PDB file of N, CA and C in Angstrom:
ATOM      1  N   MET A   1       0.851  -1.083  -0.125  1.00  0.00           N
ATOM      2  CA  MET A   1       0.002   0.037   0.217  1.00  0.00           C
ATOM      3  C   MET A   1       1.004   1.297   0.076  1.00  0.00           C
ATOM      4  N   THR A   2       0.736   2.303  -0.852  1.00  0.00           N
ATOM      5  CA  THR A   2       1.138   3.269  -1.135  1.00  0.00           C
ATOM      6  C   THR A   2       1.012   4.572  -0.066  1.00  0.00           C
ATOM      7  N   GLY A   3       1.860   5.375  -0.101  1.00  0.00           N
ATOM      8  CA  GLY A   3       1.410   6.526   1.063  1.00  0.00           C
ATOM      9  C   GLY A   3       0.141   7.040   0.419  1.00  0.00           C
ATOM     10  N   ALA A   4      -0.080   7.415  -0.770  1.00  0.00           N
ATOM     11  CA  ALA A   4      -1.180   8.020  -1.124  1.00  0.00           C
ATOM     12  C   ALA A   4      -2.415   7.354  -1.116  1.00  0.00           C
ATOM     13  N   GLU A   5      -2.389   5.876  -1.098  1.00  0.00           N
ATOM     14  CA  GLU A   5      -3.771   4.967  -0.922  1.00  0.00           C
ATOM     15  C   GLU A   5      -3.881   4.916   0.536  1.00  0.00           C
ATOM     16  N   PHE A   6      -3.048   5.003   1.694  1.00  0.00           N
ATOM     17  CA  PHE A   6      -3.161   4.654   2.989  1.00  0.00           C
ATOM     18  C   PHE A   6      -3.407   6.127   3.459  1.00  0.00           C
ATOM     19  N   LEU A   7      -3.125   7.033   2.704  1.00  0.00           N
ATOM     20  CA  LEU A   7      -3.844   8.764   3.245  1.00  0.00           C
ATOM     21  C   LEU A   7      -5.295   8.762   2.769  1.00  0.00           C
ATOM     22  N   SER A   8      -5.696   8.414   1.414  1.00  0.00           N
ATOM     23  CA  SER A   8      -6.942   8.036   1.271  1.00  0.00           C
ATOM     24  C   SER A   8      -7.843   7.192   1.878  1.00  0.00           C
ATOM     25  N   LEU A   9      -7.548   5.980   2.442  1.00  0.00           N
ATOM     26  CA  LEU A   9      -8.261   5.197   3.144  1.00  0.00           C
ATOM     27  C   LEU A   9      -8.571   5.760   4.792  1.00  0.00           C
ATOM     28  N   ALA A  10      -7.581   6.663   5.249  1.00  0.00           N
ATOM     29  CA  ALA A  10      -7.633   7.176   6.385  1.00  0.00           C
ATOM     30  C   ALA A  10      -8.241   8.243   6.443  1.00  0.00           C
ATOM     31  N   VAL A  11      -8.411   9.154   5.224  1.00  0.00           N
ATOM     32  CA  VAL A  11      -9.351  10.341   4.907  1.00  0.00           C
ATOM     33  C   VAL A  11     -10.741   9.795   5.230  1.00  0.00           C
ATOM     34  N   ASP A  12     -10.924   8.723   4.386  1.00  0.00           N
ATOM     35  CA  ASP A  12     -12.227   8.110   4.112  1.00  0.00           C
ATOM     36  C   ASP A  12     -12.794   7.447   5.332  1.00  0.00           C
ATOM     37  N   ILE A  13     -11.994   6.934   5.981  1.00  0.00           N
ATOM     38  CA  ILE A  13     -12.483   6.376   7.366  1.00  0.00           C
ATOM     39  C   ILE A  13     -12.868   7.480   8.302  1.00  0.00           C
ATOM     40  N   SER A  14     -12.101   8.603   8.415  1.00  0.00           N
ATOM     41  CA  SER A  14     -12.379   9.600   9.339  1.00  0.00           C
ATOM     42  C   SER A  14     -13.242  10.470   8.967  1.00  0.00           C
ATOM     43  N   PHE A  15     -13.706  10.897   7.777  1.00  0.00           N
ATOM     44  CA  PHE A  15     -15.127  11.175   7.288  1.00  0.00           C
ATOM     45  C   PHE A  15     -16.201  10.536   7.846  1.00  0.00           C
ATOM     46  N   GLY A  16     -16.145   9.261   7.905  1.00  0.00           N
ATOM     47  CA  GLY A  16     -17.445   8.102   8.417  1.00  0.00           C
ATOM     48  C   GLY A  16     -17.188   8.697  10.315  1.00  0.00           C
ATOM     49  N   ILE A  17     -16.293   8.443  10.777  1.00  0.00           N
ATOM     50  CA  ILE A  17     -16.028   8.791  12.176  1.00  0.00           C
ATOM     51  C   ILE A  17     -16.607  10.317  12.418  1.00  0.00           C
ATOM     52  N   VAL A  18     -16.524  11.461  11.629  1.00  0.00           N
ATOM     53  CA  VAL A  18     -16.642  12.391  11.872  1.00  0.00           C
ATOM     54  C   VAL A  18     -18.362  12.926  11.572  1.00  0.00           C
ATOM     55  N   VAL A  19     -18.761  12.248  10.804  1.00  0.00           N
ATOM     56  CA  VAL A  19     -20.089  12.301  10.576  1.00  0.00           C
ATOM     57  C   VAL A  19     -21.150  11.649  11.490  1.00  0.00           C
ATOM     58  N   LEU A  20     -20.307  10.205  12.020  1.00  0.00           N
ATOM     59  CA  LEU A  20     -21.251   9.757  13.358  1.00  0.00           C
ATOM     60  C   LEU A  20     -21.209  10.551  14.535  1.00  0.00           C
ATOM     61  N   SER A  21     -20.041  11.332  14.836  1.00  0.00           N
ATOM     62  CA  SER A  21     -20.008  12.356  15.705  1.00  0.00           C
ATOM     63  C   SER A  21     -21.006  13.441  15.604  1.00  0.00           C
ATOM     64  N   ILE A  22     -21.163  13.927  14.541  1.00  0.00           N
ATOM     65  CA  ILE A  22     -21.992  14.984  14.279  1.00  0.00           C
ATOM     66  C   ILE A  22     -23.315  14.286  14.658  1.00  0.00           C
ATOM     67  N   ALA A  23     -23.810  13.287  14.144  1.00  0.00           N
ATOM     68  CA  ALA A  23     -25.074  12.808  14.201  1.00  0.00           C
ATOM     69  C   ALA A  23     -25.277  12.552  15.719  1.00  0.00           C
ATOM     70  N   LEU A  24     -24.167  12.025  16.621  1.00  0.00           N
ATOM     71  CA  LEU A  24     -24.466  11.871  17.819  1.00  0.00           C
ATOM     72  C   LEU A  24     -24.648  13.190  18.850  1.00  0.00           C
ATOM     73  N   GLY A  25     -23.730  13.806  18.235  1.00  0.00           N
ATOM     74  CA  GLY A  25     -23.997  15.233  18.896  1.00  0.00           C
ATOM     75  C   GLY A  25     -25.703  15.937  18.654  1.00  0.00           C
ATOM     76  N   PHE A  26     -26.095  15.633  17.362  1.00  0.00           N
ATOM     77  CA  PHE A  26     -27.331  16.037  16.991  1.00  0.00           C
ATOM     78  C   PHE A  26     -28.328  15.442  17.814  1.00  0.00           C
ATOM     79  N   VAL A  27     -28.263  14.415  17.979  1.00  0.00           N
ATOM     80  CA  VAL A  27     -29.135  13.264  18.817  1.00  0.00           C
ATOM     81  C   VAL A  27     -29.205  14.052  20.541  1.00  0.00           C
ATOM     82  N   ARG A  28     -28.088  14.069  20.970  1.00  0.00           N
ATOM     83  CA  ARG A  28     -27.737  14.839  22.536  1.00  0.00           C
ATOM     84  C   ARG A  28     -28.717  16.231  22.388  1.00  0.00           C
ATOM     85  N   ILE A  29     -28.371  17.043  21.520  1.00  0.00           N
ATOM     86  CA  ILE A  29     -29.046  18.157  21.321  1.00  0.00           C
ATOM     87  C   ILE A  29     -30.629  18.135  21.404  1.00  0.00           C
ATOM     88  N   ALA A  30     -31.072  17.121  20.830  1.00  0.00           N
ATOM     89  CA  ALA A  30     -32.435  16.639  20.421  1.00  0.00           C
ATOM     90  C   ALA A  30     -33.124  16.037  21.715  1.00  0.00           C
ATOM     91  N   ILE A  31     -32.326  15.514  22.414  1.00  0.00           N
ATOM     92  CA  ILE A  31     -32.827  14.893  23.828  1.00  0.00           C
ATOM     93  C   ILE A  31     -32.529  15.098  24.907  1.00  0.00           C
ATOM     94  N   GLY A  32     -31.670  16.168  25.038  1.00  0.00           N
ATOM     95  CA  GLY A  32     -31.140  16.787  26.177  1.00  0.00           C
ATOM     96  C   GLY A  32     -30.419  15.925  27.104  1.00  0.00           C
ATOM     97  N   PRO A  33     -30.812  15.846  28.233  1.00  0.00           N
ATOM     98  CA  PRO A  33     -31.864  16.345  29.114  1.00  0.00           C
ATOM     99  C   PRO A  33     -31.857  17.918  29.523  1.00  0.00           C
ATOM    100  N   GLY A  34     -30.605  18.091  29.863  1.00  0.00           N
ATOM    101  CA  GLY A  34     -30.528  19.672  30.503  1.00  0.00           C
ATOM    102  C   GLY A  34     -29.993  20.572  29.428  1.00  0.00           C
ATOM    103  N   PHE A  35     -29.964  21.970  29.996  1.00  0.00           N
ATOM    104  CA  PHE A  35     -29.452  22.925  29.155  1.00  0.00           C
ATOM    105  C   PHE A  35     -28.019  22.912  28.821  1.00  0.00           C
ATOM    106  N   GLY A  36     -27.186  22.521  30.001  1.00  0.00           N
ATOM    107  CA  GLY A  36     -25.671  22.167  30.017  1.00  0.00           C
ATOM    108  C   GLY A  36     -25.361  21.017  28.895  1.00  0.00           C
ATOM    109  N   ASP A  37     -25.936  19.944  28.942  1.00  0.00           N
ATOM    110  CA  ASP A  37     -25.962  18.985  27.923  1.00  0.00           C
ATOM    111  C   ASP A  37     -26.121  19.162  26.452  1.00  0.00           C
ATOM    112  N   ARG A  38     -27.033  20.262  26.227  1.00  0.00           N
ATOM    113  CA  ARG A  38     -27.080  20.716  24.565  1.00  0.00           C
ATOM    114  C   ARG A  38     -26.105  21.633  24.221  1.00  0.00           C
ATOM    115  N   VAL A  39     -25.560  22.526  25.363  1.00  0.00           N
ATOM    116  CA  VAL A  39     -24.421  23.549  25.388  1.00  0.00           C
ATOM    117  C   VAL A  39     -23.068  22.639  24.699  1.00  0.00           C
ATOM    118  N   VAL A  40     -22.739  21.551  25.398  1.00  0.00           N
ATOM    119  CA  VAL A  40     -21.695  20.726  25.352  1.00  0.00           C
ATOM    120  C   VAL A  40     -21.808  19.996  23.969  1.00  0.00           C
ATOM    121  N   ALA A  41     -23.256  19.493  23.587  1.00  0.00           N
ATOM    122  CA  ALA A  41     -23.209  18.811  22.231  1.00  0.00           C
ATOM    123  C   ALA A  41     -23.110  19.962  21.482  1.00  0.00           C
ATOM    124  N   LEU A  42     -23.687  20.901  21.397  1.00  0.00           N
ATOM    125  CA  LEU A  42     -23.327  22.015  20.456  1.00  0.00           C
ATOM    126  C   LEU A  42     -21.794  22.275  20.003  1.00  0.00           C
ATOM    127  N   ASP A  43     -20.925  22.464  21.108  1.00  0.00           N
ATOM    128  CA  ASP A  43     -19.525  23.040  21.168  1.00  0.00           C
ATOM    129  C   ASP A  43     -19.194  21.351  20.473  1.00  0.00           C
ATOM    130  N   MET A  44     -19.542  20.281  20.862  1.00  0.00           N
ATOM    131  CA  MET A  44     -18.544  19.174  20.126  1.00  0.00           C
ATOM    132  C   MET A  44     -18.959  19.083  18.791  1.00  0.00           C
ATOM    133  N   MET A  45     -20.506  19.547  18.388  1.00  0.00           N
ATOM    134  CA  MET A  45     -20.772  19.435  16.956  1.00  0.00           C
ATOM    135  C   MET A  45     -19.810  20.567  16.109  1.00  0.00           C
ATOM    136  N   THR A  46     -19.555  21.553  16.806  1.00  0.00           N
ATOM    137  CA  THR A  46     -18.634  22.567  16.036  1.00  0.00           C
ATOM    138  C   THR A  46     -17.117  22.142  15.786  1.00  0.00           C
ATOM    139  N   LEU A  47     -16.915  21.257  16.846  1.00  0.00           N
ATOM    140  CA  LEU A  47     -15.513  20.741  16.604  1.00  0.00           C
ATOM    141  C   LEU A  47     -15.412  19.699  15.738  1.00  0.00           C
ATOM    142  N   SER A  48     -16.802  19.091  15.526  1.00  0.00           N
ATOM    143  CA  SER A  48     -16.707  18.121  14.614  1.00  0.00           C
ATOM    144  C   SER A  48     -16.729  18.549  13.174  1.00  0.00           C
ATOM    145  N   ILE A  49     -17.412  19.659  13.088  1.00  0.00           N
ATOM    146  CA  ILE A  49     -17.454  20.250  11.730  1.00  0.00           C
ATOM    147  C   ILE A  49     -16.370  20.865  11.312  1.00  0.00           C
ATOM    148  N   MET A  50     -15.546  21.572  12.168  1.00  0.00           N
ATOM    149  CA  MET A  50     -14.273  21.908  12.072  1.00  0.00           C
ATOM    150  C   MET A  50     -13.245  20.855  11.624  1.00  0.00           C
ATOM    151  N   ALA A  51     -13.317  19.728  12.190  1.00  0.00           N
ATOM    152  CA  ALA A  51     -12.647  18.425  11.392  1.00  0.00           C
ATOM    153  C   ALA A  51     -12.977  17.938  10.162  1.00  0.00           C
ATOM    154  N   PHE A  52     -14.127  18.287  10.127  1.00  0.00           N
ATOM    155  CA  PHE A  52     -14.874  17.913   8.581  1.00  0.00           C
ATOM    156  C   PHE A  52     -14.249  18.856   7.314  1.00  0.00           C
ATOM    157  N   CYS A  53     -14.111  20.009   8.078  1.00  0.00           N
ATOM    158  CA  CYS A  53     -13.562  21.175   6.914  1.00  0.00           C
ATOM    159  C   CYS A  53     -11.949  20.776   6.827  1.00  0.00           C
ATOM    160  N   GLY A  54     -11.481  20.249   7.914  1.00  0.00           N
ATOM    161  CA  GLY A  54      -9.838  20.183   7.675  1.00  0.00           C
ATOM    162  C   GLY A  54      -9.666  18.854   6.824  1.00  0.00           C
ATOM    163  N   LEU A  55     -10.584  17.781   7.150  1.00  0.00           N
ATOM    164  CA  LEU A  55     -10.411  16.567   6.232  1.00  0.00           C
ATOM    165  C   LEU A  55     -10.995  16.795   4.575  1.00  0.00           C
ATOM    166  N   PHE A  56     -11.808  18.056   4.350  1.00  0.00           N
ATOM    167  CA  PHE A  56     -12.111  18.091   3.012  1.00  0.00           C
ATOM    168  C   PHE A  56     -11.017  18.936   2.631  1.00  0.00           C
ATOM    169  N   ALA A  57     -10.353  19.686   3.120  1.00  0.00           N
ATOM    170  CA  ALA A  57      -9.376  20.340   2.706  1.00  0.00           C
ATOM    171  C   ALA A  57      -8.149  19.642   2.261  1.00  0.00           C
ATOM    172  N   ILE A  58      -7.956  18.358   3.147  1.00  0.00           N
ATOM    173  CA  ILE A  58      -6.887  17.246   2.708  1.00  0.00           C
ATOM    174  C   ILE A  58      -7.277  16.698   1.163  1.00  0.00           C
ATOM    175  N   PHE A  59      -8.621  16.458   1.335  1.00  0.00           N
ATOM    176  CA  PHE A  59      -9.144  15.318   0.484  1.00  0.00           C
ATOM    177  C   PHE A  59      -9.223  16.162  -0.976  1.00  0.00           C
ATOM    178  N   SER A  60      -9.834  17.574  -1.172  1.00  0.00           N
ATOM    179  CA  SER A  60      -9.796  18.236  -2.063  1.00  0.00           C
ATOM    180  C   SER A  60      -8.409  19.134  -2.420  1.00  0.00           C
ATOM    181  N   ASP A  61      -7.524  19.083  -1.513  1.00  0.00           N
ATOM    182  CA  ASP A  61      -6.124  19.586  -2.016  1.00  0.00           C
ATOM    183  C   ASP A  61      -6.501  21.051  -2.121  1.00  0.00           C
ATOM    184  N   ASP A  62      -7.270  21.818  -1.198  1.00  0.00           N
ATOM    185  CA  ASP A  62      -7.708  23.130  -1.122  1.00  0.00           C
ATOM    186  C   ASP A  62      -7.653  23.702   0.121  1.00  0.00           C
ATOM    187  N   ALA A  63      -6.624  24.836   0.380  1.00  0.00           N
ATOM    188  CA  ALA A  63      -6.554  25.235   1.735  1.00  0.00           C
ATOM    189  C   ALA A  63      -7.480  26.182   2.047  1.00  0.00           C
ATOM    190  N   ALA A  64      -8.397  26.391   1.283  1.00  0.00           N
ATOM    191  CA  ALA A  64      -9.395  27.698   1.715  1.00  0.00           C
ATOM    192  C   ALA A  64     -10.477  27.178   2.716  1.00  0.00           C
ATOM    193  N   PHE A  65     -10.468  25.694   2.580  1.00  0.00           N
ATOM    194  CA  PHE A  65     -11.437  25.217   3.575  1.00  0.00           C
ATOM    195  C   PHE A  65     -11.018  24.987   5.148  1.00  0.00           C
ATOM    196  N   LEU A  66      -9.552  25.304   5.272  1.00  0.00           N
ATOM    197  CA  LEU A  66      -8.940  25.613   6.684  1.00  0.00           C
ATOM    198  C   LEU A  66      -9.194  27.051   7.222  1.00  0.00           C
ATOM    199  N   ASP A  67      -9.408  28.191   6.189  1.00  0.00           N
ATOM    200  CA  ASP A  67     -10.127  29.398   6.757  1.00  0.00           C
ATOM    201  C   ASP A  67     -11.327  29.248   7.271  1.00  0.00           C
ATOM    202  N   VAL A  68     -12.143  28.112   6.506  1.00  0.00           N
ATOM    203  CA  VAL A  68     -13.398  28.099   6.949  1.00  0.00           C
ATOM    204  C   VAL A  68     -13.684  27.373   8.519  1.00  0.00           C
ATOM    205  N   ALA A  69     -12.662  26.556   8.569  1.00  0.00           N
ATOM    206  CA  ALA A  69     -12.716  26.084   9.747  1.00  0.00           C
ATOM    207  C   ALA A  69     -12.110  27.048  10.839  1.00  0.00           C
ATOM    208  N   VAL A  70     -11.091  27.673  10.877  1.00  0.00           N
ATOM    209  CA  VAL A  70     -10.941  29.076  11.462  1.00  0.00           C
ATOM    210  C   VAL A  70     -12.024  29.930  11.823  1.00  0.00           C
ATOM    211  N   VAL A  71     -12.994  30.449  10.900  1.00  0.00           N
ATOM    212  CA  VAL A  71     -13.710  31.252  11.054  1.00  0.00           C
ATOM    213  C   VAL A  71     -15.125  30.415  12.207  1.00  0.00           C
ATOM    214  N   LEU A  72     -15.215  29.054  11.590  1.00  0.00           N
ATOM    215  CA  LEU A  72     -16.119  28.240  12.533  1.00  0.00           C
ATOM    216  C   LEU A  72     -15.829  28.131  13.902  1.00  0.00           C
ATOM    217  N   ALA A  73     -14.002  28.053  14.203  1.00  0.00           N
ATOM    218  CA  ALA A  73     -13.829  27.728  15.461  1.00  0.00           C
ATOM    219  C   ALA A  73     -14.000  29.217  16.604  1.00  0.00           C
ATOM    220  N   LEU A  74     -13.873  30.388  15.676  1.00  0.00           N
ATOM    221  CA  LEU A  74     -14.363  31.366  16.307  1.00  0.00           C
ATOM    222  C   LEU A  74     -15.607  32.034  16.572  1.00  0.00           C
ATOM    223  N   VAL A  75     -16.547  31.490  15.660  1.00  0.00           N
ATOM    224  CA  VAL A  75     -18.173  31.830  15.906  1.00  0.00           C
ATOM    225  C   VAL A  75     -18.273  30.684  17.181  1.00  0.00           C
ATOM    226  N   GLY A  76     -17.896  29.396  17.110  1.00  0.00           N
ATOM    227  CA  GLY A  76     -18.181  28.127  18.116  1.00  0.00           C
ATOM    228  C   GLY A  76     -17.740  29.025  19.647  1.00  0.00           C
ATOM    229  N   PHE A  77     -16.415  29.424  19.347  1.00  0.00           N
ATOM    230  CA  PHE A  77     -15.912  30.076  20.911  1.00  0.00           C
ATOM    231  C   PHE A  77     -17.135  31.156  21.474  1.00  0.00           C
ATOM    232  N   LEU A  78     -17.460  31.947  20.349  1.00  0.00           N
ATOM    233  CA  LEU A  78     -18.568  33.194  20.867  1.00  0.00           C
ATOM    234  C   LEU A  78     -19.529  32.529  21.253  1.00  0.00           C
ATOM    235  N   THR A  79     -20.248  31.719  20.417  1.00  0.00           N
ATOM    236  CA  THR A  79     -21.419  30.905  20.703  1.00  0.00           C
ATOM    237  C   THR A  79     -21.507  30.682  21.937  1.00  0.00           C
ATOM    238  N   THR A  80     -20.441  29.518  22.481  1.00  0.00           N
ATOM    239  CA  THR A  80     -20.129  28.798  23.551  1.00  0.00           C
ATOM    240  C   THR A  80     -20.157  30.122  25.048  1.00  0.00           C
ATOM    241  N   LEU A  81     -19.471  31.104  24.715  1.00  0.00           N
ATOM    242  CA  LEU A  81     -19.640  32.244  25.823  1.00  0.00           C
ATOM    243  C   LEU A  81     -20.864  32.854  25.764  1.00  0.00           C
ATOM    244  N   ALA A  82     -21.520  33.267  24.831  1.00  0.00           N
ATOM    245  CA  ALA A  82     -22.821  33.516  25.111  1.00  0.00           C
ATOM    246  C   ALA A  82     -23.837  32.585  25.603  1.00  0.00           C
ATOM    247  N   LEU A  83     -23.930  31.432  25.270  1.00  0.00           N
ATOM    248  CA  LEU A  83     -24.493  30.470  25.841  1.00  0.00           C
ATOM    249  C   LEU A  83     -24.363  30.319  27.451  1.00  0.00           C
ATOM    250  N   ALA A  84     -22.876  30.344  28.021  1.00  0.00           N
ATOM    251  CA  ALA A  84     -22.581  30.284  29.315  1.00  0.00           C
ATOM    252  C   ALA A  84     -23.236  31.316  29.671  1.00  0.00           C
ATOM    253  N   ARG A  85     -23.044  32.681  29.366  1.00  0.00           N
ATOM    254  CA  ARG A  85     -23.677  33.909  30.044  1.00  0.00           C
ATOM    255  C   ARG A  85     -25.124  33.863  30.153  1.00  0.00           C
ATOM    256  N   PHE A  86     -25.879  33.221  28.958  1.00  0.00           N
ATOM    257  CA  PHE A  86     -27.284  33.055  29.290  1.00  0.00           C
ATOM    258  C   PHE A  86     -27.641  32.292  30.355  1.00  0.00           C
ATOM    259  N   ALA A  87     -26.955  30.912  30.590  1.00  0.00           N
ATOM    260  CA  ALA A  87     -27.179  30.068  31.627  1.00  0.00           C
ATOM    261  C   ALA A  87     -26.696  30.686  33.038  1.00  0.00           C
ATOM    262  N   GLU A  88     -25.626  31.634  33.296  1.00  0.00           N
ATOM    263  CA  GLU A  88     -25.583  32.342  34.343  1.00  0.00           C
ATOM    264  C   GLU A  88     -26.404  33.261  34.842  1.00  0.00           C
ATOM    265  N   ARG A  89     -27.215  34.017  33.850  1.00  0.00           N
ATOM    266  CA  ARG A  89     -28.364  34.802  34.231  1.00  0.00           C
ATOM    267  C   ARG A  89     -29.473  34.104  34.215  1.00  0.00           C
ATOM    268  N   ARG A  90     -29.619  32.975  33.706  1.00  0.00           N
ATOM    269  CA  ARG A  90     -31.004  32.143  34.119  1.00  0.00           C
ATOM    270  C   ARG A  90     -30.724  31.565  35.545  1.00  0.00           C
ATOM    271  N   ARG A  91     -29.653  31.201  35.861  1.00  0.00           N
ATOM    272  CA  ARG A  91     -29.657  30.530  37.235  1.00  0.00           C
ATOM    273  C   ARG A  91     -29.650  31.830  38.278  1.00  0.00           C
ATOM    274  N   ALA A  92     -29.029  32.987  37.845  1.00  0.00           N
ATOM    275  CA  ALA A  92     -29.317  34.104  38.991  1.00  0.00           C
ATOM    276  C   ALA A  92     -30.713  34.681  39.028  1.00  0.00           C
ATOM    277  N   ARG A  93     -31.447  34.510  37.977  1.00  0.00           N
ATOM    278  CA  ARG A  93     -32.562  34.795  38.233  1.00  0.00           C
ATOM    279  C   ARG A  93     -33.489  33.857  38.977  1.00  0.00           C
ATOM    280  N   ALA A  94     -33.277  32.545  38.646  1.00  0.00           N
ATOM    281  CA  ALA A  94     -34.021  31.382  39.506  1.00  0.00           C
ATOM    282  C   ALA A  94     -33.950  31.685  40.956  1.00  0.00           C
ATOM    283  N   SER A  95     -32.524  31.778  41.246  1.00  0.00           N
ATOM    284  CA  SER A  95     -32.181  31.923  42.573  1.00  0.00           C
ATOM    285  C   SER A  95     -32.902  33.275  43.214  1.00  0.00           C
ATOM    286  N   GLU A  96     -33.108  34.366  42.634  1.00  0.00           N
ATOM    287  CA  GLU A  96     -34.099  35.453  43.077  1.00  0.00           C
ATOM    288  C   GLU A  96     -35.206  35.166  43.111  1.00  0.00           C
ATOM    289  N   VAL A  97     -35.825  34.611  42.237  1.00  0.00           N
ATOM    290  CA  VAL A  97     -37.172  34.233  42.553  1.00  0.00           C
ATOM    291  C   VAL A  97     -37.283  33.272  43.847  1.00  0.00           C
ATOM    292  N   ASP A  98     -36.448  32.300  44.075  1.00  0.00           N
ATOM    293  CA  ASP A  98     -36.213  31.367  45.193  1.00  0.00           C
ATOM    294  C   ASP A  98     -36.284  32.162  46.575  1.00  0.00           C
ATOM    295  N   ASP A  99     -35.595  33.391  46.601  1.00  0.00           N
ATOM    296  CA  ASP A  99     -35.414  34.275  47.708  1.00  0.00           C
ATOM    297  C   ASP A  99     -36.480  34.991  48.070  1.00  0.00           C
ATOM    298  N   ASP A 100     -37.304  35.383  47.020  1.00  0.00           N
ATOM    299  CA  ASP A 100     -38.667  35.848  47.432  1.00  0.00           C
ATOM    300  C   ASP A 100     -39.765  35.012  47.976  1.00  0.00           C
TER     301      ASP A 100
END
């Protein structure tokens, strides 16, 4: 087996694993059970989609998909921060209601 054949096989197997992880993350978002579970699943899906972009850059021999992965990483980071802030405010409001 040559190096090119091995790389092609590794990329094909990796595509399958990444697509499976995206599907499992979607299932976790759909069934929950809690808000934290959904946030972690969304973050995992973001990382999996970034891996997909990296694999596709290798597959197509086009580095432009790496730029997409970097932008997605930034958007995913900001999304995680926003959801953490939302959860913090929601918990603070719930504790204010309990104190009354």
